[in-house]
Amino acid sequence: ETIGVEGMRERALLVDGRLAIGPGPRGGTAVVLEI
């Protein structure tokens, strides 16, 4: 949990959102925010 990732999670909580960070469908990284 870096400062940037933690900041994104805290912002998602502001609007009852869910943040997921993991591998992408073809490698790389996928950041998904659902509100």
PDB file of all heavy atoms in Angstrom:
ATOM      1  N   GLU A   1       0.844  -1.186   0.000  1.00  0.00           N
ATOM      2  CA  GLU A   1       0.000   0.000   0.000  1.00  0.00           C
ATOM      3  C   GLU A   1       0.884   1.243   0.000  1.00  0.00           C
ATOM      4  O   GLU A   1       1.296   1.718   1.064  1.00  0.00           O
ATOM      5  CB  GLU A   1      -0.921  -0.024   1.238  1.00  0.00           C
ATOM      6  CG  GLU A   1      -1.994  -1.094   1.172  1.00  0.00           C
ATOM      7  CD  GLU A   1      -3.016  -0.816   0.085  1.00  0.00           C
ATOM      8  OE1 GLU A   1      -3.660   0.240   0.114  1.00  0.00           O
ATOM      9  OE2 GLU A   1      -3.150  -1.668  -0.803  1.00  0.00           O
ATOM     10  N   THR A   2       1.232   1.751  -1.170  1.00  0.00           N
ATOM     11  CA  THR A   2       2.004   2.975  -1.255  1.00  0.00           C
ATOM     12  C   THR A   2       1.092   4.158  -0.979  1.00  0.00           C
ATOM     13  O   THR A   2      -0.125   4.038  -0.862  1.00  0.00           O
ATOM     14  CB  THR A   2       2.640   3.105  -2.641  1.00  0.00           C
ATOM     15  OG1 THR A   2       1.588   3.209  -3.620  1.00  0.00           O
ATOM     16  CG2 THR A   2       3.497   1.897  -2.964  1.00  0.00           C
ATOM     17  N   ILE A   3       1.720   5.335  -0.898  1.00  0.00           N
ATOM     18  CA  ILE A   3       0.929   6.541  -0.617  1.00  0.00           C
ATOM     19  C   ILE A   3      -0.085   6.783  -1.727  1.00  0.00           C
ATOM     20  O   ILE A   3      -1.236   7.135  -1.474  1.00  0.00           O
ATOM     21  CB  ILE A   3       1.871   7.746  -0.447  1.00  0.00           C
ATOM     22  CG1 ILE A   3       2.751   7.557   0.795  1.00  0.00           C
ATOM     23  CG2 ILE A   3       1.070   9.036  -0.343  1.00  0.00           C
ATOM     24  CD1 ILE A   3       3.743   8.669   1.010  1.00  0.00           C
ATOM     25  N   GLY A   4       0.347   6.579  -2.983  1.00  0.00           N
ATOM     26  CA  GLY A   4      -0.573   6.805  -4.092  1.00  0.00           C
ATOM     27  C   GLY A   4      -1.736   5.835  -4.087  1.00  0.00           C
ATOM     28  O   GLY A   4      -2.884   6.227  -4.279  1.00  0.00           O
ATOM     29  N   VAL A   5      -1.454   4.543  -3.878  1.00  0.00           N
ATOM     30  CA  VAL A   5      -2.514   3.541  -3.844  1.00  0.00           C
ATOM     31  C   VAL A   5      -3.434   3.790  -2.656  1.00  0.00           C
ATOM     32  O   VAL A   5      -4.669   3.701  -2.779  1.00  0.00           O
ATOM     33  CB  VAL A   5      -1.900   2.127  -3.783  1.00  0.00           C
ATOM     34  CG1 VAL A   5      -2.987   1.080  -3.583  1.00  0.00           C
ATOM     35  CG2 VAL A   5      -1.110   1.834  -5.053  1.00  0.00           C
ATOM     36  N   GLU A   6      -2.859   4.085  -1.514  1.00  0.00           N
ATOM     37  CA  GLU A   6      -3.685   4.356  -0.337  1.00  0.00           C
ATOM     38  C   GLU A   6      -4.574   5.577  -0.568  1.00  0.00           C
ATOM     39  O   GLU A   6      -5.736   5.600  -0.157  1.00  0.00           O
ATOM     40  CB  GLU A   6      -2.792   4.575   0.883  1.00  0.00           C
ATOM     41  CG  GLU A   6      -3.558   4.787   2.182  1.00  0.00           C
ATOM     42  CD  GLU A   6      -2.642   4.982   3.369  1.00  0.00           C
ATOM     43  OE1 GLU A   6      -1.415   4.847   3.208  1.00  0.00           O
ATOM     44  OE2 GLU A   6      -3.157   5.274   4.456  1.00  0.00           O
ATOM     45  N   GLY A   7      -4.020   6.598  -1.239  1.00  0.00           N
ATOM     46  CA  GLY A   7      -4.826   7.780  -1.533  1.00  0.00           C
ATOM     47  C   GLY A   7      -5.992   7.454  -2.456  1.00  0.00           C
ATOM     48  O   GLY A   7      -7.100   7.966  -2.275  1.00  0.00           O
ATOM     49  N   MET A   8      -5.771   6.585  -3.447  1.00  0.00           N
ATOM     50  CA  MET A   8      -6.857   6.186  -4.345  1.00  0.00           C
ATOM     51  C   MET A   8      -7.932   5.420  -3.581  1.00  0.00           C
ATOM     52  O   MET A   8      -9.135   5.624  -3.805  1.00  0.00           O
ATOM     53  CB  MET A   8      -6.308   5.341  -5.489  1.00  0.00           C
ATOM     54  CG  MET A   8      -5.529   6.126  -6.521  1.00  0.00           C
ATOM     55  SD  MET A   8      -5.197   5.179  -8.052  1.00  0.00           S
ATOM     56  CE  MET A   8      -3.981   4.000  -7.458  1.00  0.00           C
ATOM     57  N   ARG A   9      -7.518   4.544  -2.672  1.00  0.00           N
ATOM     58  CA  ARG A   9      -8.506   3.792  -1.889  1.00  0.00           C
ATOM     59  C   ARG A   9      -9.309   4.721  -0.988  1.00  0.00           C
ATOM     60  O   ARG A   9     -10.527   4.571  -0.839  1.00  0.00           O
ATOM     61  CB  ARG A   9      -7.807   2.717  -1.050  1.00  0.00           C
ATOM     62  CG  ARG A   9      -7.160   1.614  -1.870  1.00  0.00           C
ATOM     63  CD  ARG A   9      -6.810   0.416  -1.009  1.00  0.00           C
ATOM     64  NE  ARG A   9      -6.039  -0.567  -1.747  1.00  0.00           N
ATOM     65  CZ  ARG A   9      -6.569  -1.440  -2.582  1.00  0.00           C
ATOM     66  NH1 ARG A   9      -7.876  -1.456  -2.798  1.00  0.00           N
ATOM     67  NH2 ARG A   9      -5.804  -2.321  -3.218  1.00  0.00           N
ATOM     68  N   GLU A  10      -8.638   5.678  -0.369  1.00  0.00           N
ATOM     69  CA  GLU A  10      -9.344   6.621   0.498  1.00  0.00           C
ATOM     70  C   GLU A  10     -10.344   7.450  -0.303  1.00  0.00           C
ATOM     71  O   GLU A  10     -11.469   7.703   0.160  1.00  0.00           O
ATOM     72  CB  GLU A  10      -8.338   7.536   1.201  1.00  0.00           C
ATOM     73  CG  GLU A  10      -7.470   6.847   2.238  1.00  0.00           C
ATOM     74  CD  GLU A  10      -8.264   6.407   3.457  1.00  0.00           C
ATOM     75  OE1 GLU A  10      -9.360   6.950   3.670  1.00  0.00           O
ATOM     76  OE2 GLU A  10      -7.790   5.512   4.187  1.00  0.00           O
ATOM     77  N   ARG A  11      -9.965   7.850  -1.495  1.00  0.00           N
ATOM     78  CA  ARG A  11     -10.894   8.625  -2.325  1.00  0.00           C
ATOM     79  C   ARG A  11     -12.079   7.774  -2.756  1.00  0.00           C
ATOM     80  O   ARG A  11     -13.208   8.258  -2.819  1.00  0.00           O
ATOM     81  CB  ARG A  11     -10.162   9.177  -3.553  1.00  0.00           C
ATOM     82  CG  ARG A  11      -9.155  10.264  -3.220  1.00  0.00           C
ATOM     83  CD  ARG A  11      -8.497  10.813  -4.467  1.00  0.00           C
ATOM     84  NE  ARG A  11      -7.501  11.822  -4.135  1.00  0.00           N
ATOM     85  CZ  ARG A  11      -7.769  13.100  -3.869  1.00  0.00           C
ATOM     86  NH1 ARG A  11      -9.021  13.510  -3.901  1.00  0.00           N
ATOM     87  NH2 ARG A  11      -6.808  13.947  -3.572  1.00  0.00           N
ATOM     88  N   ALA A  12     -11.830   6.499  -3.067  1.00  0.00           N
ATOM     89  CA  ALA A  12     -12.937   5.616  -3.447  1.00  0.00           C
ATOM     90  C   ALA A  12     -13.935   5.475  -2.304  1.00  0.00           C
ATOM     91  O   ALA A  12     -15.151   5.436  -2.521  1.00  0.00           O
ATOM     92  CB  ALA A  12     -12.394   4.247  -3.858  1.00  0.00           C
ATOM     93  N   LEU A  13     -13.437   5.417  -1.065  1.00  0.00           N
ATOM     94  CA  LEU A  13     -14.334   5.284   0.084  1.00  0.00           C
ATOM     95  C   LEU A  13     -15.238   6.501   0.247  1.00  0.00           C
ATOM     96  O   LEU A  13     -16.336   6.381   0.793  1.00  0.00           O
ATOM     97  CB  LEU A  13     -13.510   5.076   1.368  1.00  0.00           C
ATOM     98  CG  LEU A  13     -12.858   3.704   1.539  1.00  0.00           C
ATOM     99  CD1 LEU A  13     -11.995   3.690   2.802  1.00  0.00           C
ATOM    100  CD2 LEU A  13     -13.910   2.615   1.622  1.00  0.00           C
ATOM    101  N   LEU A  14     -14.777   7.651  -0.221  1.00  0.00           N
ATOM    102  CA  LEU A  14     -15.583   8.865  -0.082  1.00  0.00           C
ATOM    103  C   LEU A  14     -16.938   8.737  -0.765  1.00  0.00           C
ATOM    104  O   LEU A  14     -17.921   9.330  -0.325  1.00  0.00           O
ATOM    105  CB  LEU A  14     -14.834  10.065  -0.667  1.00  0.00           C
ATOM    106  CG  LEU A  14     -13.654  10.608   0.125  1.00  0.00           C
ATOM    107  CD1 LEU A  14     -13.032  11.763  -0.611  1.00  0.00           C
ATOM    108  CD2 LEU A  14     -14.079  11.028   1.513  1.00  0.00           C
ATOM    109  N   VAL A  15     -16.976   7.992  -1.865  1.00  0.00           N
ATOM    110  CA  VAL A  15     -18.213   7.872  -2.649  1.00  0.00           C
ATOM    111  C   VAL A  15     -18.723   6.429  -2.623  1.00  0.00           C
ATOM    112  O   VAL A  15     -19.408   5.991  -3.551  1.00  0.00           O
ATOM    113  CB  VAL A  15     -17.972   8.346  -4.097  1.00  0.00           C
ATOM    114  CG1 VAL A  15     -17.781   9.856  -4.141  1.00  0.00           C
ATOM    115  CG2 VAL A  15     -16.771   7.646  -4.712  1.00  0.00           C
ATOM    116  N   ASP A  16     -18.358   5.687  -1.563  1.00  0.00           N
ATOM    117  CA  ASP A  16     -18.784   4.285  -1.404  1.00  0.00           C
ATOM    118  C   ASP A  16     -18.327   3.422  -2.572  1.00  0.00           C
ATOM    119  O   ASP A  16     -19.013   2.471  -2.969  1.00  0.00           O
ATOM    120  CB  ASP A  16     -20.313   4.188  -1.257  1.00  0.00           C
ATOM    121  CG  ASP A  16     -20.802   4.859   0.010  1.00  0.00           C
ATOM    122  OD1 ASP A  16     -20.054   4.845   1.003  1.00  0.00           O
ATOM    123  OD2 ASP A  16     -21.919   5.411   0.008  1.00  0.00           O
ATOM    124  N   GLY A  17     -17.181   3.768  -3.152  1.00  0.00           N
ATOM    125  CA  GLY A  17     -16.678   3.028  -4.299  1.00  0.00           C
ATOM    126  C   GLY A  17     -15.765   1.879  -3.889  1.00  0.00           C
ATOM    127  O   GLY A  17     -15.353   1.755  -2.733  1.00  0.00           O
ATOM    128  N   ARG A  18     -15.445   1.049  -4.862  1.00  0.00           N
ATOM    129  CA  ARG A  18     -14.546  -0.095  -4.666  1.00  0.00           C
ATOM    130  C   ARG A  18     -13.401   0.025  -5.661  1.00  0.00           C
ATOM    131  O   ARG A  18     -13.623   0.181  -6.869  1.00  0.00           O
ATOM    132  CB  ARG A  18     -15.282  -1.415  -4.879  1.00  0.00           C
ATOM    133  CG  ARG A  18     -16.391  -1.661  -3.879  1.00  0.00           C
ATOM    134  CD  ARG A  18     -17.075  -2.999  -4.139  1.00  0.00           C
ATOM    135  NE  ARG A  18     -17.687  -3.049  -5.460  1.00  0.00           N
ATOM    136  CZ  ARG A  18     -18.906  -2.578  -5.733  1.00  0.00           C
ATOM    137  NH1 ARG A  18     -19.629  -2.019  -4.786  1.00  0.00           N
ATOM    138  NH2 ARG A  18     -19.400  -2.670  -6.951  1.00  0.00           N
ATOM    139  N   LEU A  19     -12.164  -0.060  -5.169  1.00  0.00           N
ATOM    140  CA  LEU A  19     -10.983   0.048  -6.000  1.00  0.00           C
ATOM    141  C   LEU A  19     -10.259  -1.295  -6.017  1.00  0.00           C
ATOM    142  O   LEU A  19     -10.013  -1.886  -4.965  1.00  0.00           O
ATOM    143  CB  LEU A  19     -10.037   1.129  -5.477  1.00  0.00           C
ATOM    144  CG  LEU A  19      -8.779   1.362  -6.304  1.00  0.00           C
ATOM    145  CD1 LEU A  19      -9.123   2.114  -7.580  1.00  0.00           C
ATOM    146  CD2 LEU A  19      -7.743   2.136  -5.507  1.00  0.00           C
ATOM    147  N   ALA A  20      -9.945  -1.782  -7.200  1.00  0.00           N
ATOM    148  CA  ALA A  20      -9.225  -3.045  -7.357  1.00  0.00           C
ATOM    149  C   ALA A  20      -8.007  -2.792  -8.231  1.00  0.00           C
ATOM    150  O   ALA A  20      -8.104  -2.167  -9.290  1.00  0.00           O
ATOM    151  CB  ALA A  20     -10.119  -4.110  -7.994  1.00  0.00           C
ATOM    152  N   ILE A  21      -6.847  -3.276  -7.789  1.00  0.00           N
ATOM    153  CA  ILE A  21      -5.601  -3.141  -8.534  1.00  0.00           C
ATOM    154  C   ILE A  21      -4.989  -4.526  -8.671  1.00  0.00           C
ATOM    155  O   ILE A  21      -4.782  -5.221  -7.673  1.00  0.00           O
ATOM    156  CB  ILE A  21      -4.619  -2.192  -7.814  1.00  0.00           C
ATOM    157  CG1 ILE A  21      -5.252  -0.815  -7.623  1.00  0.00           C
ATOM    158  CG2 ILE A  21      -3.323  -2.077  -8.597  1.00  0.00           C
ATOM    159  CD1 ILE A  21      -4.377   0.149  -6.864  1.00  0.00           C
ATOM    160  N   GLY A  22      -4.730  -4.947  -9.896  1.00  0.00           N
ATOM    161  CA  GLY A  22      -4.195  -6.283 -10.123  1.00  0.00           C
ATOM    162  C   GLY A  22      -3.688  -6.422 -11.532  1.00  0.00           C
ATOM    163  O   GLY A  22      -3.603  -5.441 -12.296  1.00  0.00           O
ATOM    164  N   PRO A  23      -3.322  -7.628 -11.918  1.00  0.00           N
ATOM    165  CA  PRO A  23      -2.830  -7.851 -13.284  1.00  0.00           C
ATOM    166  C   PRO A  23      -3.929  -7.633 -14.320  1.00  0.00           C
ATOM    167  O   PRO A  23      -5.109  -7.922 -14.081  1.00  0.00           O
ATOM    168  CB  PRO A  23      -2.359  -9.315 -13.263  1.00  0.00           C
ATOM    169  CG  PRO A  23      -2.998  -9.932 -12.082  1.00  0.00           C
ATOM    170  CD  PRO A  23      -3.297  -8.849 -11.114  1.00  0.00           C
ATOM    171  N   GLY A  24      -3.534  -7.112 -15.471  1.00  0.00           N
ATOM    172  CA  GLY A  24      -4.473  -6.893 -16.557  1.00  0.00           C
ATOM    173  C   GLY A  24      -4.775  -8.165 -17.312  1.00  0.00           C
ATOM    174  O   GLY A  24      -4.131  -9.203 -17.104  1.00  0.00           O
ATOM    175  N   PRO A  25      -5.751  -8.148 -18.201  1.00  0.00           N
ATOM    176  CA  PRO A  25      -6.118  -9.359 -18.954  1.00  0.00           C
ATOM    177  C   PRO A  25      -5.001  -9.852 -19.867  1.00  0.00           C
ATOM    178  O   PRO A  25      -4.935 -11.040 -20.178  1.00  0.00           O
ATOM    179  CB  PRO A  25      -7.348  -8.914 -19.760  1.00  0.00           C
ATOM    180  CG  PRO A  25      -7.267  -7.433 -19.827  1.00  0.00           C
ATOM    181  CD  PRO A  25      -6.595  -7.003 -18.552  1.00  0.00           C
ATOM    182  N   ARG A  26      -4.117  -8.978 -20.289  1.00  0.00           N
ATOM    183  CA  ARG A  26      -3.003  -9.360 -21.163  1.00  0.00           C
ATOM    184  C   ARG A  26      -1.670  -8.919 -20.561  1.00  0.00           C
ATOM    185  O   ARG A  26      -0.761  -8.495 -21.268  1.00  0.00           O
ATOM    186  CB  ARG A  26      -3.180  -8.750 -22.550  1.00  0.00           C
ATOM    187  CG  ARG A  26      -4.451  -9.208 -23.265  1.00  0.00           C
ATOM    188  CD  ARG A  26      -4.554  -8.580 -24.642  1.00  0.00           C
ATOM    189  NE  ARG A  26      -5.770  -9.015 -25.316  1.00  0.00           N
ATOM    190  CZ  ARG A  26      -6.148  -8.575 -26.523  1.00  0.00           C
ATOM    191  NH1 ARG A  26      -5.392  -7.692 -27.160  1.00  0.00           N
ATOM    192  NH2 ARG A  26      -7.275  -9.005 -27.073  1.00  0.00           N
ATOM    193  N   GLY A  27      -1.547  -9.062 -19.257  1.00  0.00           N
ATOM    194  CA  GLY A  27      -0.343  -8.607 -18.590  1.00  0.00           C
ATOM    195  C   GLY A  27      -0.485  -7.157 -18.164  1.00  0.00           C
ATOM    196  O   GLY A  27      -1.529  -6.521 -18.338  1.00  0.00           O
ATOM    197  N   GLY A  28       0.586  -6.617 -17.625  1.00  0.00           N
ATOM    198  CA  GLY A  28       0.523  -5.244 -17.168  1.00  0.00           C
ATOM    199  C   GLY A  28      -0.291  -5.131 -15.894  1.00  0.00           C
ATOM    200  O   GLY A  28      -0.429  -6.080 -15.114  1.00  0.00           O
ATOM    201  N   THR A  29      -0.865  -3.956 -15.687  1.00  0.00           N
ATOM    202  CA  THR A  29      -1.631  -3.658 -14.473  1.00  0.00           C
ATOM    203  C   THR A  29      -2.971  -3.070 -14.859  1.00  0.00           C
ATOM    204  O   THR A  29      -3.073  -2.302 -15.813  1.00  0.00           O
ATOM    205  CB  THR A  29      -0.860  -2.651 -13.586  1.00  0.00           C
ATOM    206  OG1 THR A  29       0.437  -3.179 -13.297  1.00  0.00           O
ATOM    207  CG2 THR A  29      -1.602  -2.410 -12.283  1.00  0.00           C
ATOM    208  N   ALA A  30      -3.993  -3.447 -14.100  1.00  0.00           N
ATOM    209  CA  ALA A  30      -5.342  -2.915 -14.303  1.00  0.00           C
ATOM    210  C   ALA A  30      -5.810  -2.248 -13.011  1.00  0.00           C
ATOM    211  O   ALA A  30      -5.753  -2.855 -11.942  1.00  0.00           O
ATOM    212  CB  ALA A  30      -6.304  -4.031 -14.700  1.00  0.00           C
ATOM    213  N   VAL A  31      -6.231  -1.021 -13.125  1.00  0.00           N
ATOM    214  CA  VAL A  31      -6.832  -0.276 -12.012  1.00  0.00           C
ATOM    215  C   VAL A  31      -8.310  -0.095 -12.339  1.00  0.00           C
ATOM    216  O   VAL A  31      -8.647   0.507 -13.362  1.00  0.00           O
ATOM    217  CB  VAL A  31      -6.141   1.086 -11.813  1.00  0.00           C
ATOM    218  CG1 VAL A  31      -6.825   1.858 -10.693  1.00  0.00           C
ATOM    219  CG2 VAL A  31      -4.663   0.889 -11.510  1.00  0.00           C
ATOM    220  N   VAL A  32      -9.167  -0.610 -11.476  1.00  0.00           N
ATOM    221  CA  VAL A  32     -10.607  -0.569 -11.720  1.00  0.00           C
ATOM    222  C   VAL A  32     -11.283   0.103 -10.531  1.00  0.00           C
ATOM    223  O   VAL A  32     -11.110  -0.321  -9.386  1.00  0.00           O
ATOM    224  CB  VAL A  32     -11.199  -1.982 -11.927  1.00  0.00           C
ATOM    225  CG1 VAL A  32     -12.698  -1.900 -12.153  1.00  0.00           C
ATOM    226  CG2 VAL A  32     -10.506  -2.673 -13.097  1.00  0.00           C
ATOM    227  N   LEU A  33     -12.045   1.133 -10.810  1.00  0.00           N
ATOM    228  CA  LEU A  33     -12.822   1.846  -9.800  1.00  0.00           C
ATOM    229  C   LEU A  33     -14.294   1.699 -10.150  1.00  0.00           C
ATOM    230  O   LEU A  33     -14.707   2.050 -11.251  1.00  0.00           O
ATOM    231  CB  LEU A  33     -12.429   3.331  -9.760  1.00  0.00           C
ATOM    232  CG  LEU A  33     -13.294   4.225  -8.879  1.00  0.00           C
ATOM    233  CD1 LEU A  33     -13.143   3.869  -7.401  1.00  0.00           C
ATOM    234  CD2 LEU A  33     -12.969   5.705  -9.110  1.00  0.00           C
ATOM    235  N   GLU A  34     -15.083   1.210  -9.199  1.00  0.00           N
ATOM    236  CA  GLU A  34     -16.527   1.063  -9.378  1.00  0.00           C
ATOM    237  C   GLU A  34     -17.257   1.872  -8.316  1.00  0.00           C
ATOM    238  O   GLU A  34     -16.978   1.717  -7.119  1.00  0.00           O
ATOM    239  CB  GLU A  34     -16.944  -0.416  -9.297  1.00  0.00           C
ATOM    240  CG  GLU A  34     -16.402  -1.267 -10.447  1.00  0.00           C
ATOM    241  CD  GLU A  34     -16.891  -2.684 -10.359  1.00  0.00           C
ATOM    242  OE1 GLU A  34     -17.261  -3.119  -9.246  1.00  0.00           O
ATOM    243  OE2 GLU A  34     -16.910  -3.380 -11.411  1.00  0.00           O
ATOM    244  N   ILE A  35     -18.169   2.720  -8.784  1.00  0.00           N
ATOM    245  CA  ILE A  35     -18.907   3.601  -7.880  1.00  0.00           C
ATOM    246  C   ILE A  35     -20.402   3.381  -8.093  1.00  0.00           C
ATOM    247  O   ILE A  35     -20.891   3.545  -9.216  1.00  0.00           O
ATOM    248  CB  ILE A  35     -18.557   5.079  -8.146  1.00  0.00           C
ATOM    249  CG1 ILE A  35     -17.057   5.315  -7.957  1.00  0.00           C
ATOM    250  CG2 ILE A  35     -19.360   5.993  -7.225  1.00  0.00           C
ATOM    251  CD1 ILE A  35     -16.628   6.714  -8.329  1.00  0.00           C
TER     252      ILE A  35
END
